[in-house]
Amino acid sequence: MIQDYAQIGIISSGEDGCVTQLKLRRAEAEADQLSYNGKLRAPTANSCIQLSRDVCSRLQEIFTPFLCCIGTKDCVVNNSGAADLIRNAKTIDRMLKE
């Protein structure tokens, strides 16, 4: 299953340490009593995808100053959205910290 995530760009496929880190994070999340471990229903998943697409299509409407901080060694999240935010937001006062 982890290889499937690597193929669609959710995690880096070239770093073995990244896959190990992902396994550790997964175990940590599954052990967390405050997290939801049930199955995500299709309509809910669809709503999450639609929301993400809507937000990404409207980045040019952001006019408020912001600071975007990302981890450059993150194995779970694809950080390309941060570059899109910096490139497309209309605010003058913006900063990206890696």
C-alpha atoms as a PDB file:
ATOM      1  CA  MET A   1       0.000   0.000   0.000  1.00  0.00           C
ATOM      2  CA  ILE A   2       2.854   2.428   0.765  1.00  0.00           C
ATOM      3  CA  GLN A   3       4.159   1.879  -2.757  1.00  0.00           C
ATOM      4  CA  ASP A   4       0.746   2.975  -4.070  1.00  0.00           C
ATOM      5  CA  TYR A   5       1.068   6.259  -2.192  1.00  0.00           C
ATOM      6  CA  ALA A   6       4.545   6.763  -3.618  1.00  0.00           C
ATOM      7  CA  GLN A   7       3.239   6.277  -7.156  1.00  0.00           C
ATOM      8  CA  ILE A   8       0.638   9.017  -6.831  1.00  0.00           C
ATOM      9  CA  GLY A   9       3.060  11.489  -5.273  1.00  0.00           C
ATOM     10  CA  ILE A  10       1.850  11.501  -1.678  1.00  0.00           C
ATOM     11  CA  ILE A  11       5.238  10.334  -0.449  1.00  0.00           C
ATOM     12  CA  SER A  12       8.657  10.293  -1.978  1.00  0.00           C
ATOM     13  CA  SER A  13       9.437   6.946  -3.566  1.00  0.00           C
ATOM     14  CA  GLY A  14      13.200   7.400  -3.589  1.00  0.00           C
ATOM     15  CA  GLU A  15      13.934   7.581   0.108  1.00  0.00           C
ATOM     16  CA  ASP A  16      13.820   4.409   2.205  1.00  0.00           C
ATOM     17  CA  GLY A  17      13.972   6.491   5.368  1.00  0.00           C
ATOM     18  CA  CYS A  18      10.824   8.214   4.268  1.00  0.00           C
ATOM     19  CA  VAL A  19       8.924   4.927   3.988  1.00  0.00           C
ATOM     20  CA  THR A  20      10.163   3.923   7.440  1.00  0.00           C
ATOM     21  CA  GLN A  21       9.086   7.283   8.829  1.00  0.00           C
ATOM     22  CA  LEU A  22       5.671   6.873   7.217  1.00  0.00           C
ATOM     23  CA  LYS A  23       5.230   3.470   8.877  1.00  0.00           C
ATOM     24  CA  LEU A  24       6.156   4.947  12.263  1.00  0.00           C
ATOM     25  CA  ARG A  25       3.756   7.877  11.792  1.00  0.00           C
ATOM     26  CA  ARG A  26       0.967   5.494  10.765  1.00  0.00           C
ATOM     27  CA  ALA A  27       1.487   3.386  13.897  1.00  0.00           C
ATOM     28  CA  GLU A  28       1.557   6.522  16.044  1.00  0.00           C
ATOM     29  CA  ALA A  29      -1.680   7.817  14.494  1.00  0.00           C
ATOM     30  CA  GLU A  30      -3.432   4.464  14.912  1.00  0.00           C
ATOM     31  CA  ALA A  31      -2.460   4.376  18.598  1.00  0.00           C
ATOM     32  CA  ASP A  32      -3.760   7.904  19.237  1.00  0.00           C
ATOM     33  CA  GLN A  33      -7.019   7.621  21.193  1.00  0.00           C
ATOM     34  CA  LEU A  34      -8.209  11.016  19.943  1.00  0.00           C
ATOM     35  CA  SER A  35      -7.908  10.197  16.244  1.00  0.00           C
ATOM     36  CA  TYR A  36     -10.604   8.654  14.079  1.00  0.00           C
ATOM     37  CA  ASN A  37      -9.588   5.275  12.685  1.00  0.00           C
ATOM     38  CA  GLY A  38     -12.812   4.318  10.926  1.00  0.00           C
ATOM     39  CA  LYS A  39     -13.429   4.196   7.213  1.00  0.00           C
ATOM     40  CA  LEU A  40     -14.001   7.471   5.407  1.00  0.00           C
ATOM     41  CA  ARG A  41     -17.323   7.451   3.612  1.00  0.00           C
ATOM     42  CA  ALA A  42     -17.283   8.189  -0.107  1.00  0.00           C
ATOM     43  CA  PRO A  43     -19.393  11.394   0.092  1.00  0.00           C
ATOM     44  CA  THR A  44     -17.130  12.756   2.843  1.00  0.00           C
ATOM     45  CA  ALA A  45     -13.997  11.935   0.861  1.00  0.00           C
ATOM     46  CA  ASN A  46     -15.532  13.566  -2.213  1.00  0.00           C
ATOM     47  CA  SER A  47     -16.353  16.700  -0.201  1.00  0.00           C
ATOM     48  CA  CYS A  48     -12.744  16.896   1.023  1.00  0.00           C
ATOM     49  CA  ILE A  49     -11.431  16.612  -2.533  1.00  0.00           C
ATOM     50  CA  GLN A  50     -13.880  19.227  -3.832  1.00  0.00           C
ATOM     51  CA  LEU A  51     -12.960  21.616  -1.007  1.00  0.00           C
ATOM     52  CA  SER A  52      -9.274  21.192  -1.758  1.00  0.00           C
ATOM     53  CA  ARG A  53      -9.821  21.863  -5.455  1.00  0.00           C
ATOM     54  CA  ASP A  54     -11.965  24.911  -4.699  1.00  0.00           C
ATOM     55  CA  VAL A  55      -9.377  26.394  -2.360  1.00  0.00           C
ATOM     56  CA  CYS A  56      -6.564  25.765  -4.853  1.00  0.00           C
ATOM     57  CA  SER A  57      -8.517  27.438  -7.643  1.00  0.00           C
ATOM     58  CA  ARG A  58      -9.080  30.543  -5.505  1.00  0.00           C
ATOM     59  CA  LEU A  59      -5.567  31.218  -4.171  1.00  0.00           C
ATOM     60  CA  GLN A  60      -5.448  34.477  -6.151  1.00  0.00           C
ATOM     61  CA  GLU A  61      -8.215  35.807  -3.867  1.00  0.00           C
ATOM     62  CA  ILE A  62      -5.920  35.833  -0.815  1.00  0.00           C
ATOM     63  CA  PHE A  63      -5.062  39.436   0.055  1.00  0.00           C
ATOM     64  CA  THR A  64      -4.104  39.136   3.726  1.00  0.00           C
ATOM     65  CA  PRO A  65      -0.452  38.843   4.788  1.00  0.00           C
ATOM     66  CA  PHE A  66       0.658  35.320   5.685  1.00  0.00           C
ATOM     67  CA  LEU A  67       3.646  33.209   6.641  1.00  0.00           C
ATOM     68  CA  CYS A  68       3.815  29.738   5.105  1.00  0.00           C
ATOM     69  CA  CYS A  69       6.091  27.297   6.952  1.00  0.00           C
ATOM     70  CA  ILE A  70       6.759  23.852   5.532  1.00  0.00           C
ATOM     71  CA  GLY A  71       8.967  20.927   6.453  1.00  0.00           C
ATOM     72  CA  THR A  72      11.285  20.055   3.600  1.00  0.00           C
ATOM     73  CA  LYS A  73      11.694  16.444   4.758  1.00  0.00           C
ATOM     74  CA  ASP A  74       7.996  15.725   5.091  1.00  0.00           C
ATOM     75  CA  CYS A  75       7.216  12.250   3.759  1.00  0.00           C
ATOM     76  CA  VAL A  76       3.464  12.331   4.083  1.00  0.00           C
ATOM     77  CA  VAL A  77       2.379  15.668   2.630  1.00  0.00           C
ATOM     78  CA  ASN A  78       3.141  16.933  -0.846  1.00  0.00           C
ATOM     79  CA  ASN A  79       4.267  20.528  -0.260  1.00  0.00           C
ATOM     80  CA  SER A  80       3.848  21.756  -3.835  1.00  0.00           C
ATOM     81  CA  GLY A  81       0.669  23.551  -2.748  1.00  0.00           C
ATOM     82  CA  ALA A  82       2.798  25.936  -0.682  1.00  0.00           C
ATOM     83  CA  ALA A  83       4.636  27.048  -3.817  1.00  0.00           C
ATOM     84  CA  ASP A  84       1.290  27.550  -5.565  1.00  0.00           C
ATOM     85  CA  LEU A  85       0.078  29.650  -2.642  1.00  0.00           C
ATOM     86  CA  ILE A  86       3.179  31.860  -2.686  1.00  0.00           C
ATOM     87  CA  ARG A  87       3.039  32.228  -6.469  1.00  0.00           C
ATOM     88  CA  ASN A  88      -0.697  32.933  -6.789  1.00  0.00           C
ATOM     89  CA  ALA A  89      -1.719  34.897  -3.693  1.00  0.00           C
ATOM     90  CA  LYS A  90      -2.244  38.598  -4.378  1.00  0.00           C
ATOM     91  CA  THR A  91      -0.935  39.804  -1.029  1.00  0.00           C
ATOM     92  CA  ILE A  92       2.282  41.807  -1.085  1.00  0.00           C
ATOM     93  CA  ASP A  93       3.410  40.695   2.377  1.00  0.00           C
ATOM     94  CA  ARG A  94       4.067  36.949   2.119  1.00  0.00           C
ATOM     95  CA  MET A  95       6.909  34.695   3.104  1.00  0.00           C
ATOM     96  CA  LEU A  96       7.839  31.046   2.675  1.00  0.00           C
ATOM     97  CA  LYS A  97      10.043  29.410   5.296  1.00  0.00           C
ATOM     98  CA  GLU A  98      11.449  25.939   4.621  1.00  0.00           C
END
